[in-house]
Structures are given as structure tokens and as C-alpha cells.
Amino acid sequence: MSKPTIIQLSEFDITQKIIESLSNVCTRAVLFSVKNQTKDATQIANELKISLSTVYKTLSTLEGLALVEVDKYVISAEGKKIKLYRSRIGKVEITLDDLEPVLNLYSNTSNPKSS
């Protein structure tokens, strides 16, 4: 079995996964749209003018990376359970140190209000 390359190794590195995710403008927009105010997926899609399926996929990725969390659930007029999302981070810094990325995530200190 051959030795894995640096690129193959980095695919399993959480720092690399977060950096790759945040390099996408849509992902950043979704993440920071729920920084100061909790929102459901429909509100995010309408605000950012992107498809609901894209928002759900992005939120799933961000949840998997622990960058967003479900702040609470509400029940719609139709009786559906709706998730309200909140960003767990308020600031991101990515720097290079000897060609290795250094990722600093800062907690979201704002107290989001439900809209």
C-alpha cells in the first residue's frame, strides 16, 4: 500500500474541511446570515436569494462542522416543526504559517434573537 499524499491526508483534517467550506461564498453568506439573528432555512433562502435546497445542504455541512447549531424549534401554523439556526462562530481568521494553514474560530458572542 502506498503512502498517502499530503493532499489525501488533508482531506481528513477538520481544519482543512472548514477552510474549504468557508472558501465558498454561499457557505459564508449562510453562516453569517445567522450570526446576529436566528432564522429558519426559508428565511435564509429568501434573504440571500438562493434555493431552499442549497440552504439545507449548506446548513447540513455547517452543522457537521459544528459551525452552526439549531438554537430552537418552533411549530408553524400548519403544525410543522421548524428549526431555527444560529452561528456558533462570530469571527474567522485563516493564516499561513510555513505553508500550513492556521485556523482561528471565535465564538459568537452576540445573543441572536428569533425573527
PDB file of N, CA and C in Angstrom:
ATOM      1  N   MET A   1       0.845  -1.182   0.000  1.00  0.00           N
ATOM      2  CA  MET A   1       0.000   0.000   0.000  1.00  0.00           C
ATOM      3  C   MET A   1       0.885   1.239   0.000  1.00  0.00           C
ATOM      4  N   SER A   2       0.595   2.186  -0.882  1.00  0.00           N
ATOM      5  CA  SER A   2       1.430   3.378  -0.982  1.00  0.00           C
ATOM      6  C   SER A   2       1.110   4.368   0.132  1.00  0.00           C
ATOM      7  N   LYS A   3       2.106   5.179   0.417  1.00  0.00           N
ATOM      8  CA  LYS A   3       1.963   6.197   1.452  1.00  0.00           C
ATOM      9  C   LYS A   3       1.029   7.303   0.943  1.00  0.00           C
ATOM     10  N   PRO A   4       0.069   7.756   1.773  1.00  0.00           N
ATOM     11  CA  PRO A   4      -0.850   8.801   1.307  1.00  0.00           C
ATOM     12  C   PRO A   4      -0.113  10.127   1.069  1.00  0.00           C
ATOM     13  N   THR A   5      -0.596  10.867   0.069  1.00  0.00           N
ATOM     14  CA  THR A   5      -0.007  12.171  -0.223  1.00  0.00           C
ATOM     15  C   THR A   5      -0.519  13.199   0.776  1.00  0.00           C
ATOM     16  N   ILE A   6       0.114  14.354   0.783  1.00  0.00           N
ATOM     17  CA  ILE A   6      -0.301  15.433   1.690  1.00  0.00           C
ATOM     18  C   ILE A   6      -1.752  15.826   1.406  1.00  0.00           C
ATOM     19  N   ILE A   7      -2.107  15.877   0.137  1.00  0.00           N
ATOM     20  CA  ILE A   7      -3.480  16.259  -0.205  1.00  0.00           C
ATOM     21  C   ILE A   7      -4.459  15.210   0.314  1.00  0.00           C
ATOM     22  N   GLN A   8      -4.130  13.939   0.191  1.00  0.00           N
ATOM     23  CA  GLN A   8      -5.021  12.896   0.703  1.00  0.00           C
ATOM     24  C   GLN A   8      -5.135  12.967   2.217  1.00  0.00           C
ATOM     25  N   LEU A   9      -4.033  13.232   2.886  1.00  0.00           N
ATOM     26  CA  LEU A   9      -4.076  13.350   4.338  1.00  0.00           C
ATOM     27  C   LEU A   9      -4.925  14.535   4.770  1.00  0.00           C
ATOM     28  N   SER A  10      -4.800  15.646   4.064  1.00  0.00           N
ATOM     29  CA  SER A  10      -5.515  16.854   4.478  1.00  0.00           C
ATOM     30  C   SER A  10      -7.022  16.732   4.285  1.00  0.00           C
ATOM     31  N   GLU A  11      -7.464  15.793   3.446  1.00  0.00           N
ATOM     32  CA  GLU A  11      -8.901  15.603   3.255  1.00  0.00           C
ATOM     33  C   GLU A  11      -9.575  15.156   4.545  1.00  0.00           C
ATOM     34  N   PHE A  12      -8.813  14.576   5.451  1.00  0.00           N
ATOM     35  CA  PHE A  12      -9.362  14.092   6.711  1.00  0.00           C
ATOM     36  C   PHE A  12      -9.132  15.069   7.855  1.00  0.00           C
ATOM     37  N   ASP A  13      -8.501  16.176   7.554  1.00  0.00           N
ATOM     38  CA  ASP A  13      -8.171  17.174   8.557  1.00  0.00           C
ATOM     39  C   ASP A  13      -9.351  18.142   8.699  1.00  0.00           C
ATOM     40  N   ILE A  14      -9.877  18.265   9.901  1.00  0.00           N
ATOM     41  CA  ILE A  14     -11.054  19.126  10.127  1.00  0.00           C
ATOM     42  C   ILE A  14     -10.757  20.581   9.789  1.00  0.00           C
ATOM     43  N   THR A  15      -9.542  21.035  10.093  1.00  0.00           N
ATOM     44  CA  THR A  15      -9.170  22.411   9.744  1.00  0.00           C
ATOM     45  C   THR A  15      -9.286  22.615   8.245  1.00  0.00           C
ATOM     46  N   GLN A  16      -8.778  21.676   7.481  1.00  0.00           N
ATOM     47  CA  GLN A  16      -8.849  21.763   6.024  1.00  0.00           C
ATOM     48  C   GLN A  16     -10.298  21.754   5.552  1.00  0.00           C
ATOM     49  N   LYS A  17     -11.126  20.920   6.138  1.00  0.00           N
ATOM     50  CA  LYS A  17     -12.536  20.856   5.744  1.00  0.00           C
ATOM     51  C   LYS A  17     -13.248  22.179   6.019  1.00  0.00           C
ATOM     52  N   ILE A  18     -12.950  22.792   7.164  1.00  0.00           N
ATOM     53  CA  ILE A  18     -13.576  24.075   7.495  1.00  0.00           C
ATOM     54  C   ILE A  18     -13.103  25.155   6.530  1.00  0.00           C
ATOM     55  N   ILE A  19     -11.810  25.195   6.257  1.00  0.00           N
ATOM     56  CA  ILE A  19     -11.271  26.199   5.325  1.00  0.00           C
ATOM     57  C   ILE A  19     -11.892  26.027   3.942  1.00  0.00           C
ATOM     58  N   GLU A  20     -11.979  24.793   3.465  1.00  0.00           N
ATOM     59  CA  GLU A  20     -12.590  24.544   2.156  1.00  0.00           C
ATOM     60  C   GLU A  20     -14.051  24.975   2.140  1.00  0.00           C
ATOM     61  N   SER A  21     -14.754  24.690   3.211  1.00  0.00           N
ATOM     62  CA  SER A  21     -16.157  25.074   3.288  1.00  0.00           C
ATOM     63  C   SER A  21     -16.316  26.593   3.277  1.00  0.00           C
ATOM     64  N   LEU A  22     -15.486  27.275   4.054  1.00  0.00           N
ATOM     65  CA  LEU A  22     -15.585  28.736   4.152  1.00  0.00           C
ATOM     66  C   LEU A  22     -15.065  29.457   2.910  1.00  0.00           C
ATOM     67  N   SER A  23     -14.399  28.733   2.024  1.00  0.00           N
ATOM     68  CA  SER A  23     -13.942  29.363   0.785  1.00  0.00           C
ATOM     69  C   SER A  23     -15.109  29.578  -0.179  1.00  0.00           C
ATOM     70  N   ASN A  24     -16.236  28.955   0.105  1.00  0.00           N
ATOM     71  CA  ASN A  24     -17.424  29.093  -0.727  1.00  0.00           C
ATOM     72  C   ASN A  24     -18.246  30.298  -0.267  1.00  0.00           C
ATOM     73  N   VAL A  25     -18.516  31.214  -1.179  1.00  0.00           N
ATOM     74  CA  VAL A  25     -19.228  32.447  -0.838  1.00  0.00           C
ATOM     75  C   VAL A  25     -20.633  32.159  -0.308  1.00  0.00           C
ATOM     76  N   CYS A  26     -21.286  31.160  -0.848  1.00  0.00           N
ATOM     77  CA  CYS A  26     -22.635  30.802  -0.398  1.00  0.00           C
ATOM     78  C   CYS A  26     -22.591  30.305   1.047  1.00  0.00           C
ATOM     79  N   THR A  27     -21.613  29.487   1.365  1.00  0.00           N
ATOM     80  CA  THR A  27     -21.476  28.962   2.723  1.00  0.00           C
ATOM     81  C   THR A  27     -21.242  30.095   3.712  1.00  0.00           C
ATOM     82  N   ARG A  28     -20.362  31.023   3.357  1.00  0.00           N
ATOM     83  CA  ARG A  28     -20.109  32.172   4.243  1.00  0.00           C
ATOM     84  C   ARG A  28     -21.365  33.007   4.421  1.00  0.00           C
ATOM     85  N   ALA A  29     -22.093  33.215   3.350  1.00  0.00           N
ATOM     86  CA  ALA A  29     -23.313  34.021   3.428  1.00  0.00           C
ATOM     87  C   ALA A  29     -24.334  33.376   4.364  1.00  0.00           C
ATOM     88  N   VAL A  30     -24.523  32.066   4.242  1.00  0.00           N
ATOM     89  CA  VAL A  30     -25.475  31.361   5.112  1.00  0.00           C
ATOM     90  C   VAL A  30     -25.003  31.432   6.555  1.00  0.00           C
ATOM     91  N   LEU A  31     -23.729  31.157   6.774  1.00  0.00           N
ATOM     92  CA  LEU A  31     -23.182  31.168   8.136  1.00  0.00           C
ATOM     93  C   LEU A  31     -23.371  32.520   8.807  1.00  0.00           C
ATOM     94  N   PHE A  32     -23.016  33.576   8.110  1.00  0.00           N
ATOM     95  CA  PHE A  32     -23.079  34.884   8.753  1.00  0.00           C
ATOM     96  C   PHE A  32     -24.462  35.521   8.708  1.00  0.00           C
ATOM     97  N   SER A  33     -25.388  34.916   7.951  1.00  0.00           N
ATOM     98  CA  SER A  33     -26.770  35.423   7.998  1.00  0.00           C
ATOM     99  C   SER A  33     -27.440  35.045   9.314  1.00  0.00           C
ATOM    100  N   VAL A  34     -26.923  34.024   9.986  1.00  0.00           N
ATOM    101  CA  VAL A  34     -27.494  33.606  11.273  1.00  0.00           C
ATOM    102  C   VAL A  34     -26.568  33.952  12.440  1.00  0.00           C
ATOM    103  N   LYS A  35     -25.700  34.907  12.213  1.00  0.00           N
ATOM    104  CA  LYS A  35     -24.779  35.322  13.282  1.00  0.00           C
ATOM    105  C   LYS A  35     -25.491  36.156  14.342  1.00  0.00           C
ATOM    106  N   ASN A  36     -26.275  37.120  13.915  1.00  0.00           N
ATOM    107  CA  ASN A  36     -26.902  38.052  14.856  1.00  0.00           C
ATOM    108  C   ASN A  36     -28.374  37.784  15.099  1.00  0.00           C
ATOM    109  N   GLN A  37     -28.939  36.881  14.309  1.00  0.00           N
ATOM    110  CA  GLN A  37     -30.372  36.615  14.426  1.00  0.00           C
ATOM    111  C   GLN A  37     -30.645  35.176  14.010  1.00  0.00           C
ATOM    112  N   THR A  38     -31.374  34.423  14.829  1.00  0.00           N
ATOM    113  CA  THR A  38     -31.717  33.056  14.448  1.00  0.00           C
ATOM    114  C   THR A  38     -32.743  33.098  13.327  1.00  0.00           C
ATOM    115  N   LYS A  39     -32.605  32.154  12.391  1.00  0.00           N
ATOM    116  CA  LYS A  39     -33.505  32.100  11.236  1.00  0.00           C
ATOM    117  C   LYS A  39     -33.739  30.662  10.838  1.00  0.00           C
ATOM    118  N   ASP A  40     -34.870  30.442  10.161  1.00  0.00           N
ATOM    119  CA  ASP A  40     -35.100  29.125   9.585  1.00  0.00           C
ATOM    120  C   ASP A  40     -34.587  29.126   8.148  1.00  0.00           C
ATOM    121  N   ALA A  41     -34.546  27.948   7.546  1.00  0.00           N
ATOM    122  CA  ALA A  41     -33.979  27.804   6.211  1.00  0.00           C
ATOM    123  C   ALA A  41     -34.713  28.656   5.170  1.00  0.00           C
ATOM    124  N   THR A  42     -36.019  28.752   5.268  1.00  0.00           N
ATOM    125  CA  THR A  42     -36.789  29.549   4.313  1.00  0.00           C
ATOM    126  C   THR A  42     -36.423  31.027   4.411  1.00  0.00           C
ATOM    127  N   GLN A  43     -36.280  31.535   5.625  1.00  0.00           N
ATOM    128  CA  GLN A  43     -35.886  32.935   5.808  1.00  0.00           C
ATOM    129  C   GLN A  43     -34.507  33.193   5.199  1.00  0.00           C
ATOM    130  N   ILE A  44     -33.585  32.263   5.404  1.00  0.00           N
ATOM    131  CA  ILE A  44     -32.229  32.408   4.853  1.00  0.00           C
ATOM    132  C   ILE A  44     -32.285  32.406   3.329  1.00  0.00           C
ATOM    133  N   ALA A  45     -33.021  31.472   2.750  1.00  0.00           N
ATOM    134  CA  ALA A  45     -33.140  31.374   1.288  1.00  0.00           C
ATOM    135  C   ALA A  45     -33.719  32.663   0.701  1.00  0.00           C
ATOM    136  N   ASN A  46     -34.768  33.187   1.330  1.00  0.00           N
ATOM    137  CA  ASN A  46     -35.388  34.427   0.838  1.00  0.00           C
ATOM    138  C   ASN A  46     -34.446  35.617   0.964  1.00  0.00           C
ATOM    139  N   GLU A  47     -33.765  35.706   2.093  1.00  0.00           N
ATOM    140  CA  GLU A  47     -32.842  36.821   2.328  1.00  0.00           C
ATOM    141  C   GLU A  47     -31.674  36.808   1.345  1.00  0.00           C
ATOM    142  N   LEU A  48     -31.108  35.639   1.114  1.00  0.00           N
ATOM    143  CA  LEU A  48     -29.909  35.527   0.276  1.00  0.00           C
ATOM    144  C   LEU A  48     -30.232  35.287  -1.198  1.00  0.00           C
ATOM    145  N   LYS A  49     -31.520  35.074  -1.503  1.00  0.00           N
ATOM    146  CA  LYS A  49     -31.957  34.828  -2.888  1.00  0.00           C
ATOM    147  C   LYS A  49     -31.269  33.600  -3.480  1.00  0.00           C
ATOM    148  N   ILE A  50     -31.242  32.519  -2.685  1.00  0.00           N
ATOM    149  CA  ILE A  50     -30.707  31.241  -3.156  1.00  0.00           C
ATOM    150  C   ILE A  50     -31.758  30.162  -2.894  1.00  0.00           C
ATOM    151  N   SER A  51     -31.611  29.027  -3.568  1.00  0.00           N
ATOM    152  CA  SER A  51     -32.628  27.986  -3.455  1.00  0.00           C
ATOM    153  C   SER A  51     -32.660  27.387  -2.049  1.00  0.00           C
ATOM    154  N   LEU A  52     -33.834  26.940  -1.678  1.00  0.00           N
ATOM    155  CA  LEU A  52     -34.028  26.321  -0.370  1.00  0.00           C
ATOM    156  C   LEU A  52     -33.185  25.056  -0.241  1.00  0.00           C
ATOM    157  N   SER A  53     -33.075  24.282  -1.323  1.00  0.00           N
ATOM    158  CA  SER A  53     -32.268  23.055  -1.268  1.00  0.00           C
ATOM    159  C   SER A  53     -30.792  23.379  -1.028  1.00  0.00           C
ATOM    160  N   THR A  54     -30.309  24.464  -1.613  1.00  0.00           N
ATOM    161  CA  THR A  54     -28.922  24.889  -1.381  1.00  0.00           C
ATOM    162  C   THR A  54     -28.735  25.287   0.075  1.00  0.00           C
ATOM    163  N   VAL A  55     -29.706  25.973   0.630  1.00  0.00           N
ATOM    164  CA  VAL A  55     -29.625  26.380   2.037  1.00  0.00           C
ATOM    165  C   VAL A  55     -29.595  25.152   2.943  1.00  0.00           C
ATOM    166  N   TYR A  56     -30.472  24.195   2.697  1.00  0.00           N
ATOM    167  CA  TYR A  56     -30.496  22.982   3.525  1.00  0.00           C
ATOM    168  C   TYR A  56     -29.172  22.224   3.437  1.00  0.00           C
ATOM    169  N   LYS A  57     -28.647  22.085   2.229  1.00  0.00           N
ATOM    170  CA  LYS A  57     -27.370  21.385   2.044  1.00  0.00           C
ATOM    171  C   LYS A  57     -26.248  22.120   2.776  1.00  0.00           C
ATOM    172  N   THR A  58     -26.226  23.434   2.661  1.00  0.00           N
ATOM    173  CA  THR A  58     -25.194  24.242   3.311  1.00  0.00           C
ATOM    174  C   THR A  58     -25.318  24.158   4.824  1.00  0.00           C
ATOM    175  N   LEU A  59     -26.541  24.248   5.337  1.00  0.00           N
ATOM    176  CA  LEU A  59     -26.742  24.139   6.786  1.00  0.00           C
ATOM    177  C   LEU A  59     -26.314  22.770   7.304  1.00  0.00           C
ATOM    178  N   SER A  60     -26.585  21.736   6.539  1.00  0.00           N
ATOM    179  CA  SER A  60     -26.162  20.394   6.929  1.00  0.00           C
ATOM    180  C   SER A  60     -24.638  20.306   7.031  1.00  0.00           C
ATOM    181  N   THR A  61     -23.957  20.864   6.050  1.00  0.00           N
ATOM    182  CA  THR A  61     -22.491  20.892   6.068  1.00  0.00           C
ATOM    183  C   THR A  61     -21.986  21.675   7.269  1.00  0.00           C
ATOM    184  N   LEU A  62     -22.560  22.851   7.486  1.00  0.00           N
ATOM    185  CA  LEU A  62     -22.131  23.701   8.605  1.00  0.00           C
ATOM    186  C   LEU A  62     -22.413  23.047   9.949  1.00  0.00           C
ATOM    187  N   GLU A  63     -23.529  22.334  10.068  1.00  0.00           N
ATOM    188  CA  GLU A  63     -23.824  21.598  11.304  1.00  0.00           C
ATOM    189  C   GLU A  63     -22.810  20.484  11.524  1.00  0.00           C
ATOM    190  N   GLY A  64     -22.461  19.793  10.450  1.00  0.00           N
ATOM    191  CA  GLY A  64     -21.482  18.717  10.540  1.00  0.00           C
ATOM    192  C   GLY A  64     -20.112  19.208  10.976  1.00  0.00           C
ATOM    193  N   LEU A  65     -19.797  20.445  10.636  1.00  0.00           N
ATOM    194  CA  LEU A  65     -18.515  21.053  11.031  1.00  0.00           C
ATOM    195  C   LEU A  65     -18.632  21.791  12.361  1.00  0.00           C
ATOM    196  N   ALA A  66     -19.800  21.750  12.984  1.00  0.00           N
ATOM    197  CA  ALA A  66     -20.087  22.405  14.269  1.00  0.00           C
ATOM    198  C   ALA A  66     -19.949  23.927  14.188  1.00  0.00           C
ATOM    199  N   LEU A  67     -20.247  24.490  13.017  1.00  0.00           N
ATOM    200  CA  LEU A  67     -20.179  25.942  12.854  1.00  0.00           C
ATOM    201  C   LEU A  67     -21.536  26.603  13.075  1.00  0.00           C
ATOM    202  N   VAL A  68     -22.610  25.845  12.902  1.00  0.00           N
ATOM    203  CA  VAL A  68     -23.953  26.325  13.234  1.00  0.00           C
ATOM    204  C   VAL A  68     -24.621  25.278  14.118  1.00  0.00           C
ATOM    205  N   GLU A  69     -25.641  25.732  14.819  1.00  0.00           N
ATOM    206  CA  GLU A  69     -26.410  24.827  15.660  1.00  0.00           C
ATOM    207  C   GLU A  69     -27.882  25.193  15.555  1.00  0.00           C
ATOM    208  N   VAL A  70     -28.712  24.243  15.892  1.00  0.00           N
ATOM    209  CA  VAL A  70     -30.140  24.524  15.972  1.00  0.00           C
ATOM    210  C   VAL A  70     -30.353  25.189  17.323  1.00  0.00           C
ATOM    211  N   ASP A  71     -30.763  26.452  17.278  1.00  0.00           N
ATOM    212  CA  ASP A  71     -30.960  27.228  18.510  1.00  0.00           C
ATOM    213  C   ASP A  71     -32.237  26.778  19.221  1.00  0.00           C
ATOM    214  N   LYS A  72     -33.282  26.573  18.422  1.00  0.00           N
ATOM    215  CA  LYS A  72     -34.544  26.083  18.985  1.00  0.00           C
ATOM    216  C   LYS A  72     -35.458  25.655  17.863  1.00  0.00           C
ATOM    217  N   TYR A  73     -36.550  25.041  18.251  1.00  0.00           N
ATOM    218  CA  TYR A  73     -37.585  24.605  17.309  1.00  0.00           C
ATOM    219  C   TYR A  73     -38.840  25.431  17.557  1.00  0.00           C
ATOM    220  N   VAL A  74     -39.541  25.731  16.482  1.00  0.00           N
ATOM    221  CA  VAL A  74     -40.845  26.382  16.594  1.00  0.00           C
ATOM    222  C   VAL A  74     -41.842  25.558  15.787  1.00  0.00           C
ATOM    223  N   ILE A  75     -43.096  25.708  16.095  1.00  0.00           N
ATOM    224  CA  ILE A  75     -44.151  24.999  15.369  1.00  0.00           C
ATOM    225  C   ILE A  75     -44.864  26.009  14.466  1.00  0.00           C
ATOM    226  N   SER A  76     -44.932  25.676  13.176  1.00  0.00           N
ATOM    227  CA  SER A  76     -45.583  26.570  12.223  1.00  0.00           C
ATOM    228  C   SER A  76     -47.099  26.507  12.386  1.00  0.00           C
ATOM    229  N   ALA A  77     -47.790  27.402  11.689  1.00  0.00           N
ATOM    230  CA  ALA A  77     -49.256  27.420  11.724  1.00  0.00           C
ATOM    231  C   ALA A  77     -49.829  26.105  11.201  1.00  0.00           C
ATOM    232  N   GLU A  78     -49.076  25.436  10.313  1.00  0.00           N
ATOM    233  CA  GLU A  78     -49.522  24.154   9.758  1.00  0.00           C
ATOM    234  C   GLU A  78     -49.150  22.982  10.662  1.00  0.00           C
ATOM    235  N   GLY A  79     -48.498  23.256  11.783  1.00  0.00           N
ATOM    236  CA  GLY A  79     -48.120  22.207  12.717  1.00  0.00           C
ATOM    237  C   GLY A  79     -46.768  21.562  12.441  1.00  0.00           C
ATOM    238  N   LYS A  80     -45.992  22.158  11.514  1.00  0.00           N
ATOM    239  CA  LYS A  80     -44.675  21.616  11.196  1.00  0.00           C
ATOM    240  C   LYS A  80     -43.639  22.114  12.206  1.00  0.00           C
ATOM    241  N   LYS A  81     -42.706  21.230  12.524  1.00  0.00           N
ATOM    242  CA  LYS A  81     -41.603  21.576  13.416  1.00  0.00           C
ATOM    243  C   LYS A  81     -40.500  22.228  12.573  1.00  0.00           C
ATOM    244  N   ILE A  82     -40.149  23.469  12.898  1.00  0.00           N
ATOM    245  CA  ILE A  82     -39.180  24.233  12.119  1.00  0.00           C
ATOM    246  C   ILE A  82     -37.953  24.537  12.974  1.00  0.00           C
ATOM    247  N   LYS A  83     -36.777  24.270  12.394  1.00  0.00           N
ATOM    248  CA  LYS A  83     -35.517  24.549  13.088  1.00  0.00           C
ATOM    249  C   LYS A  83     -35.112  26.007  12.885  1.00  0.00           C
ATOM    250  N   LEU A  84     -34.691  26.647  13.968  1.00  0.00           N
ATOM    251  CA  LEU A  84     -34.104  27.982  13.883  1.00  0.00           C
ATOM    252  C   LEU A  84     -32.610  27.829  14.129  1.00  0.00           C
ATOM    253  N   TYR A  85     -31.824  28.290  13.167  1.00  0.00           N
ATOM    254  CA  TYR A  85     -30.379  28.111  13.207  1.00  0.00           C
ATOM    255  C   TYR A  85     -29.666  29.344  13.745  1.00  0.00           C
ATOM    256  N   ARG A  86     -28.498  29.085  14.321  1.00  0.00           N
ATOM    257  CA  ARG A  86     -27.666  30.154  14.868  1.00  0.00           C
ATOM    258  C   ARG A  86     -26.216  29.797  14.603  1.00  0.00           C
ATOM    259  N   SER A  87     -25.422  30.809  14.255  1.00  0.00           N
ATOM    260  CA  SER A  87     -23.991  30.616  14.051  1.00  0.00           C
ATOM    261  C   SER A  87     -23.308  30.439  15.397  1.00  0.00           C
ATOM    262  N   ARG A  88     -22.425  29.477  15.489  1.00  0.00           N
ATOM    263  CA  ARG A  88     -21.654  29.271  16.714  1.00  0.00           C
ATOM    264  C   ARG A  88     -20.389  30.115  16.704  1.00  0.00           C
ATOM    265  N   ILE A  89     -20.041  30.658  15.526  1.00  0.00           N
ATOM    266  CA  ILE A  89     -18.836  31.479  15.440  1.00  0.00           C
ATOM    267  C   ILE A  89     -19.175  32.884  14.983  1.00  0.00           C
ATOM    268  N   GLY A  90     -18.409  33.832  15.493  1.00  0.00           N
ATOM    269  CA  GLY A  90     -18.625  35.227  15.146  1.00  0.00           C
ATOM    270  C   GLY A  90     -17.535  35.797  14.276  1.00  0.00           C
ATOM    271  N   LYS A  91     -16.382  35.137  14.290  1.00  0.00           N
ATOM    272  CA  LYS A  91     -15.241  35.643  13.538  1.00  0.00           C
ATOM    273  C   LYS A  91     -14.343  34.476  13.165  1.00  0.00           C
ATOM    274  N   VAL A  92     -13.737  34.578  11.981  1.00  0.00           N
ATOM    275  CA  VAL A  92     -12.832  33.543  11.481  1.00  0.00           C
ATOM    276  C   VAL A  92     -11.546  34.213  11.023  1.00  0.00           C
ATOM    277  N   GLU A  93     -10.417  33.610  11.386  1.00  0.00           N
ATOM    278  CA  GLU A  93      -9.119  34.067  10.889  1.00  0.00           C
ATOM    279  C   GLU A  93      -8.374  32.860  10.338  1.00  0.00           C
ATOM    280  N   ILE A  94      -7.873  33.006   9.117  1.00  0.00           N
ATOM    281  CA  ILE A  94      -7.069  31.955   8.499  1.00  0.00           C
ATOM    282  C   ILE A  94      -5.734  32.578   8.121  1.00  0.00           C
ATOM    283  N   THR A  95      -4.661  32.013   8.631  1.00  0.00           N
ATOM    284  CA  THR A  95      -3.322  32.498   8.316  1.00  0.00           C
ATOM    285  C   THR A  95      -2.463  31.313   7.871  1.00  0.00           C
ATOM    286  N   LEU A  96      -1.375  31.628   7.193  1.00  0.00           N
ATOM    287  CA  LEU A  96      -0.438  30.595   6.785  1.00  0.00           C
ATOM    288  C   LEU A  96       0.818  30.698   7.625  1.00  0.00           C
ATOM    289  N   ASP A  97       1.243  29.571   8.156  1.00  0.00           N
ATOM    290  CA  ASP A  97       2.469  29.504   8.940  1.00  0.00           C
ATOM    291  C   ASP A  97       3.301  28.367   8.360  1.00  0.00           C
ATOM    292  N   ASP A  98       4.377  28.708   7.664  1.00  0.00           N
ATOM    293  CA  ASP A  98       5.217  27.705   6.995  1.00  0.00           C
ATOM    294  C   ASP A  98       4.390  26.804   6.076  1.00  0.00           C
ATOM    295  N   LEU A  99       3.545  27.420   5.280  1.00  0.00           N
ATOM    296  CA  LEU A  99       2.687  26.763   4.296  1.00  0.00           C
ATOM    297  C   LEU A  99       1.571  25.923   4.897  1.00  0.00           C
ATOM    298  N   GLU A 100       1.445  25.917   6.194  1.00  0.00           N
ATOM    299  CA  GLU A 100       0.348  25.215   6.850  1.00  0.00           C
ATOM    300  C   GLU A 100      -0.696  26.233   7.294  1.00  0.00           C
ATOM    301  N   PRO A 101      -1.947  26.023   6.951  1.00  0.00           N
ATOM    302  CA  PRO A 101      -2.969  26.973   7.390  1.00  0.00           C
ATOM    303  C   PRO A 101      -3.227  26.859   8.895  1.00  0.00           C
ATOM    304  N   VAL A 102      -3.421  28.021   9.504  1.00  0.00           N
ATOM    305  CA  VAL A 102      -3.794  28.085  10.917  1.00  0.00           C
ATOM    306  C   VAL A 102      -5.182  28.707  10.956  1.00  0.00           C
ATOM    307  N   LEU A 103      -6.106  27.999  11.553  1.00  0.00           N
ATOM    308  CA  LEU A 103      -7.498  28.436  11.599  1.00  0.00           C
ATOM    309  C   LEU A 103      -7.843  28.845  13.020  1.00  0.00           C
ATOM    310  N   ASN A 104      -8.339  30.066  13.173  1.00  0.00           N
ATOM    311  CA  ASN A 104      -8.815  30.540  14.472  1.00  0.00           C
ATOM    312  C   ASN A 104     -10.294  30.874  14.337  1.00  0.00           C
ATOM    313  N   LEU A 105     -11.099  30.197  15.142  1.00  0.00           N
ATOM    314  CA  LEU A 105     -12.533  30.451  15.178  1.00  0.00           C
ATOM    315  C   LEU A 105     -12.867  31.089  16.511  1.00  0.00           C
ATOM    316  N   TYR A 106     -13.638  32.162  16.463  1.00  0.00           N
ATOM    317  CA  TYR A 106     -14.021  32.878  17.673  1.00  0.00           C
ATOM    318  C   TYR A 106     -15.515  32.699  17.899  1.00  0.00           C
ATOM    319  N   SER A 107     -15.876  32.428  19.133  1.00  0.00           N
ATOM    320  CA  SER A 107     -17.277  32.191  19.486  1.00  0.00           C
ATOM    321  C   SER A 107     -18.153  33.370  19.120  1.00  0.00           C
ATOM    322  N   ASN A 108     -19.373  33.056  18.786  1.00  0.00           N
ATOM    323  CA  ASN A 108     -20.369  34.082  18.511  1.00  0.00           C
ATOM    324  C   ASN A 108     -20.837  34.637  19.861  1.00  0.00           C
ATOM    325  N   THR A 109     -20.450  35.854  20.131  1.00  0.00           N
ATOM    326  CA  THR A 109     -20.801  36.462  21.426  1.00  0.00           C
ATOM    327  C   THR A 109     -22.111  37.222  21.366  1.00  0.00           C
ATOM    328  N   SER A 110     -22.649  37.392  20.142  1.00  0.00           N
ATOM    329  CA  SER A 110     -23.942  38.072  20.059  1.00  0.00           C
ATOM    330  C   SER A 110     -25.018  37.127  20.554  1.00  0.00           C
ATOM    331  N   ASN A 111     -26.081  37.687  21.029  1.00  0.00           N
ATOM    332  CA  ASN A 111     -27.193  36.888  21.527  1.00  0.00           C
ATOM    333  C   ASN A 111     -28.304  36.979  20.504  1.00  0.00           C
ATOM    334  N   PRO A 112     -28.307  36.088  19.506  1.00  0.00           N
ATOM    335  CA  PRO A 112     -29.295  36.199  18.436  1.00  0.00           C
ATOM    336  C   PRO A 112     -30.724  36.162  18.944  1.00  0.00           C
ATOM    337  N   LYS A 113     -31.530  36.938  18.318  1.00  0.00           N
ATOM    338  CA  LYS A 113     -32.959  36.964  18.618  1.00  0.00           C
ATOM    339  C   LYS A 113     -33.689  36.260  17.490  1.00  0.00           C
ATOM    340  N   SER A 114     -34.708  35.570  17.821  1.00  0.00           N
ATOM    341  CA  SER A 114     -35.521  34.927  16.787  1.00  0.00           C
ATOM    342  C   SER A 114     -36.260  36.002  16.011  1.00  0.00           C
ATOM    343  N   SER A 115     -36.381  35.778  14.706  1.00  0.00           N
ATOM    344  CA  SER A 115     -37.115  36.770  13.909  1.00  0.00           C
ATOM    345  C   SER A 115     -38.549  36.354  13.718  1.00  0.00           C
TER     346      SER A 115
END
